[in-house]
Amino acid sequence: MNILIRSLTDEQLVNLDLLAQKNKLSRDKLISKIIGEYLDGKNFLAAHRTFFKEEVDKIIPTLEKNNQVMERALSFLEEEQAHGD
């Protein structure tokens, strides 16, 4: 399949050619590699999004409980300090 890219500036094309040359690839191969890596990264994130969401969902109740305990402890300390003065 062919893809036509029209929106690159002359400077971007020069940089693309230099990058391709540095990697010993043609411009076409480099663009294919960049797009492929980008899409593979997107697939990786999509595949693991559910896992990360489930892990965060497990942590949130613990954090909420810890916040409640800390608020009670702070309230207790403030009361003690107020009565101690």
N, C-alpha and C. Protein backbone atom coordinates (compact mmCIF):
# COMPACT_ATOMS: atom_id res chain seq x y z
N MET A 1 0.85 -1.17 0.00
CA MET A 1 0.00 0.00 0.00
C MET A 1 0.90 1.24 0.00
N ASN A 2 0.48 2.24 -0.70
CA ASN A 2 1.23 3.50 -0.75
C ASN A 2 0.52 4.58 0.04
N ILE A 3 1.31 5.42 0.67
CA ILE A 3 0.79 6.55 1.42
C ILE A 3 1.50 7.79 0.92
N LEU A 4 0.75 8.84 0.61
CA LEU A 4 1.33 10.09 0.15
C LEU A 4 1.30 11.09 1.31
N ILE A 5 2.45 11.65 1.61
CA ILE A 5 2.55 12.64 2.69
C ILE A 5 2.83 13.99 2.05
N ARG A 6 1.94 14.94 2.26
CA ARG A 6 2.05 16.24 1.59
C ARG A 6 2.43 17.39 2.51
N SER A 7 2.34 17.23 3.78
CA SER A 7 2.41 18.38 4.67
C SER A 7 3.77 18.61 5.33
N LEU A 8 4.82 17.91 4.91
CA LEU A 8 6.13 18.13 5.51
C LEU A 8 6.81 19.34 4.88
N THR A 9 7.52 20.08 5.71
CA THR A 9 8.28 21.22 5.20
C THR A 9 9.59 20.73 4.58
N ASP A 10 10.25 21.62 3.86
CA ASP A 10 11.55 21.27 3.27
C ASP A 10 12.54 20.90 4.36
N GLU A 11 12.52 21.62 5.47
CA GLU A 11 13.43 21.33 6.58
C GLU A 11 13.15 19.96 7.17
N GLN A 12 11.89 19.61 7.31
CA GLN A 12 11.52 18.31 7.83
C GLN A 12 11.98 17.19 6.89
N LEU A 13 11.86 17.42 5.59
CA LEU A 13 12.33 16.41 4.63
C LEU A 13 13.83 16.22 4.71
N VAL A 14 14.57 17.31 4.86
CA VAL A 14 16.02 17.21 5.02
C VAL A 14 16.36 16.42 6.27
N ASN A 15 15.67 16.72 7.38
CA ASN A 15 15.90 15.98 8.63
C ASN A 15 15.54 14.51 8.48
N LEU A 16 14.46 14.24 7.78
CA LEU A 16 14.04 12.86 7.53
C LEU A 16 15.09 12.11 6.72
N ASP A 17 15.60 12.76 5.68
CA ASP A 17 16.64 12.14 4.86
C ASP A 17 17.92 11.89 5.66
N LEU A 18 18.29 12.85 6.51
CA LEU A 18 19.48 12.67 7.35
C LEU A 18 19.29 11.53 8.33
N LEU A 19 18.13 11.44 8.93
CA LEU A 19 17.83 10.36 9.87
C LEU A 19 17.83 9.00 9.16
N ALA A 20 17.25 8.97 7.97
CA ALA A 20 17.25 7.73 7.20
C ALA A 20 18.67 7.32 6.84
N GLN A 21 19.46 8.27 6.42
CA GLN A 21 20.86 7.99 6.06
C GLN A 21 21.63 7.49 7.28
N LYS A 22 21.43 8.13 8.41
CA LYS A 22 22.11 7.73 9.64
C LYS A 22 21.75 6.30 10.02
N ASN A 23 20.51 5.89 9.77
CA ASN A 23 20.05 4.54 10.11
C ASN A 23 20.22 3.56 8.95
N LYS A 24 20.86 4.03 7.88
CA LYS A 24 21.11 3.19 6.69
C LYS A 24 19.82 2.60 6.13
N LEU A 25 18.81 3.47 6.04
CA LEU A 25 17.51 3.09 5.50
C LEU A 25 17.12 4.09 4.42
N SER A 26 16.22 3.64 3.55
CA SER A 26 15.64 4.59 2.61
C SER A 26 14.61 5.44 3.37
N ARG A 27 14.25 6.56 2.78
CA ARG A 27 13.23 7.41 3.40
C ARG A 27 11.95 6.61 3.61
N ASP A 28 11.56 5.83 2.59
CA ASP A 28 10.34 5.02 2.66
C ASP A 28 10.40 4.01 3.80
N LYS A 29 11.53 3.31 3.92
CA LYS A 29 11.67 2.30 4.98
C LYS A 29 11.62 2.96 6.35
N LEU A 30 12.27 4.12 6.48
CA LEU A 30 12.27 4.82 7.77
C LEU A 30 10.85 5.24 8.15
N ILE A 31 10.12 5.81 7.20
CA ILE A 31 8.74 6.22 7.48
C ILE A 31 7.90 5.01 7.87
N SER A 32 8.05 3.91 7.15
CA SER A 32 7.31 2.68 7.47
C SER A 32 7.65 2.20 8.88
N LYS A 33 8.93 2.28 9.23
CA LYS A 33 9.36 1.85 10.57
C LYS A 33 8.76 2.75 11.64
N ILE A 34 8.79 4.05 11.43
CA ILE A 34 8.25 5.00 12.41
C ILE A 34 6.76 4.78 12.60
N ILE A 35 6.03 4.65 11.51
CA ILE A 35 4.58 4.44 11.60
C ILE A 35 4.27 3.10 12.27
N GLY A 36 5.02 2.07 11.91
CA GLY A 36 4.81 0.75 12.51
C GLY A 36 5.05 0.76 14.01
N GLU A 37 6.13 1.41 14.44
CA GLU A 37 6.42 1.48 15.87
C GLU A 37 5.35 2.28 16.61
N TYR A 38 4.87 3.34 15.98
CA TYR A 38 3.81 4.14 16.59
C TYR A 38 2.55 3.30 16.77
N LEU A 39 2.16 2.59 15.72
CA LEU A 39 0.95 1.78 15.80
C LEU A 39 1.10 0.63 16.78
N ASP A 40 2.28 0.01 16.83
CA ASP A 40 2.51 -1.06 17.80
C ASP A 40 2.40 -0.52 19.22
N GLY A 41 2.91 0.68 19.44
CA GLY A 41 2.80 1.31 20.76
C GLY A 41 1.37 1.58 21.13
N LYS A 42 0.57 2.02 20.16
CA LYS A 42 -0.85 2.26 20.40
C LYS A 42 -1.54 0.95 20.78
N ASN A 43 -1.21 -0.13 20.05
CA ASN A 43 -1.82 -1.43 20.35
C ASN A 43 -1.42 -1.91 21.74
N PHE A 44 -0.17 -1.67 22.12
CA PHE A 44 0.29 -2.07 23.45
C PHE A 44 -0.52 -1.35 24.52
N LEU A 45 -0.69 -0.05 24.34
CA LEU A 45 -1.44 0.72 25.34
C LEU A 45 -2.90 0.28 25.40
N ALA A 46 -3.50 0.04 24.25
CA ALA A 46 -4.89 -0.39 24.24
C ALA A 46 -5.05 -1.75 24.92
N ALA A 47 -4.11 -2.64 24.69
CA ALA A 47 -4.19 -3.99 25.27
C ALA A 47 -4.02 -3.96 26.78
N HIS A 48 -3.27 -2.99 27.29
CA HIS A 48 -2.99 -2.95 28.72
C HIS A 48 -3.81 -1.91 29.48
N ARG A 49 -4.61 -1.16 28.77
CA ARG A 49 -5.42 -0.12 29.42
C ARG A 49 -6.34 -0.72 30.48
N THR A 50 -6.97 -1.85 30.19
CA THR A 50 -7.86 -2.51 31.15
C THR A 50 -7.10 -2.93 32.39
N PHE A 51 -5.91 -3.50 32.19
CA PHE A 51 -5.09 -3.93 33.33
C PHE A 51 -4.80 -2.74 34.24
N PHE A 52 -4.33 -1.63 33.66
CA PHE A 52 -3.97 -0.46 34.46
C PHE A 52 -5.20 0.11 35.18
N LYS A 53 -6.34 0.13 34.49
CA LYS A 53 -7.56 0.64 35.11
C LYS A 53 -7.95 -0.22 36.30
N GLU A 54 -7.87 -1.54 36.16
CA GLU A 54 -8.22 -2.43 37.26
C GLU A 54 -7.28 -2.24 38.45
N GLU A 55 -6.00 -2.05 38.18
CA GLU A 55 -5.04 -1.83 39.26
C GLU A 55 -5.33 -0.52 39.99
N VAL A 56 -5.64 0.52 39.26
CA VAL A 56 -5.97 1.80 39.88
C VAL A 56 -7.25 1.67 40.69
N ASP A 57 -8.23 0.96 40.13
CA ASP A 57 -9.48 0.76 40.85
C ASP A 57 -9.27 0.02 42.17
N LYS A 58 -8.28 -0.87 42.23
CA LYS A 58 -7.97 -1.58 43.47
C LYS A 58 -7.33 -0.65 44.50
N ILE A 59 -6.53 0.29 44.04
CA ILE A 59 -5.77 1.17 44.93
C ILE A 59 -6.63 2.28 45.51
N ILE A 60 -7.59 2.78 44.76
CA ILE A 60 -8.39 3.93 45.19
C ILE A 60 -9.08 3.70 46.54
N PRO A 61 -9.77 2.57 46.78
CA PRO A 61 -10.40 2.40 48.11
C PRO A 61 -9.39 2.44 49.26
N THR A 62 -8.21 1.89 49.05
CA THR A 62 -7.18 1.92 50.09
C THR A 62 -6.73 3.35 50.35
N LEU A 63 -6.55 4.11 49.29
CA LEU A 63 -6.16 5.51 49.46
C LEU A 63 -7.24 6.31 50.18
N GLU A 64 -8.49 6.06 49.83
CA GLU A 64 -9.59 6.75 50.49
C GLU A 64 -9.63 6.42 51.98
N LYS A 65 -9.44 5.14 52.31
CA LYS A 65 -9.43 4.73 53.71
C LYS A 65 -8.26 5.37 54.45
N ASN A 66 -7.08 5.39 53.82
CA ASN A 66 -5.91 6.02 54.43
C ASN A 66 -6.16 7.50 54.68
N ASN A 67 -6.82 8.18 53.73
CA ASN A 67 -7.14 9.60 53.91
C ASN A 67 -8.07 9.81 55.09
N GLN A 68 -9.06 8.92 55.26
CA GLN A 68 -9.98 9.03 56.39
C GLN A 68 -9.23 8.85 57.71
N VAL A 69 -8.34 7.87 57.77
CA VAL A 69 -7.55 7.62 58.99
C VAL A 69 -6.68 8.83 59.29
N MET A 70 -6.05 9.39 58.27
CA MET A 70 -5.18 10.55 58.48
C MET A 70 -5.99 11.76 58.94
N GLU A 71 -7.19 11.94 58.38
CA GLU A 71 -8.04 13.06 58.81
C GLU A 71 -8.45 12.90 60.27
N ARG A 72 -8.81 11.66 60.68
CA ARG A 72 -9.16 11.42 62.08
C ARG A 72 -7.98 11.67 63.01
N ALA A 73 -6.80 11.21 62.59
CA ALA A 73 -5.59 11.40 63.41
C ALA A 73 -5.27 12.88 63.53
N LEU A 74 -5.38 13.62 62.44
CA LEU A 74 -5.11 15.05 62.47
C LEU A 74 -6.13 15.76 63.36
N SER A 75 -7.39 15.38 63.25
CA SER A 75 -8.43 15.97 64.09
C SER A 75 -8.16 15.70 65.56
N PHE A 76 -7.77 14.47 65.88
CA PHE A 76 -7.45 14.10 67.26
C PHE A 76 -6.28 14.93 67.78
N LEU A 77 -5.22 15.06 66.96
CA LEU A 77 -4.05 15.85 67.37
C LEU A 77 -4.41 17.32 67.57
N GLU A 78 -5.27 17.86 66.72
CA GLU A 78 -5.68 19.26 66.86
C GLU A 78 -6.48 19.46 68.14
N GLU A 79 -7.35 18.49 68.46
CA GLU A 79 -8.13 18.57 69.70
C GLU A 79 -7.22 18.50 70.91
N GLU A 80 -6.25 17.59 70.89
CA GLU A 80 -5.30 17.44 71.98
C GLU A 80 -4.51 18.74 72.17
N GLN A 81 -4.08 19.32 71.04
CA GLN A 81 -3.31 20.56 71.13
C GLN A 81 -4.14 21.71 71.66
N ALA A 82 -5.43 21.76 71.25
CA ALA A 82 -6.30 22.82 71.72
C ALA A 82 -6.56 22.70 73.22
N HIS A 83 -6.71 21.49 73.73
CA HIS A 83 -6.98 21.30 75.15
C HIS A 83 -5.71 21.41 75.98
N GLY A 84 -4.58 21.18 75.35
CA GLY A 84 -3.32 21.24 76.07
C GLY A 84 -2.80 22.66 76.27
N ASP A 85 -3.28 23.60 75.48
CA ASP A 85 -2.79 24.99 75.59
C ASP A 85 -3.35 25.72 76.74
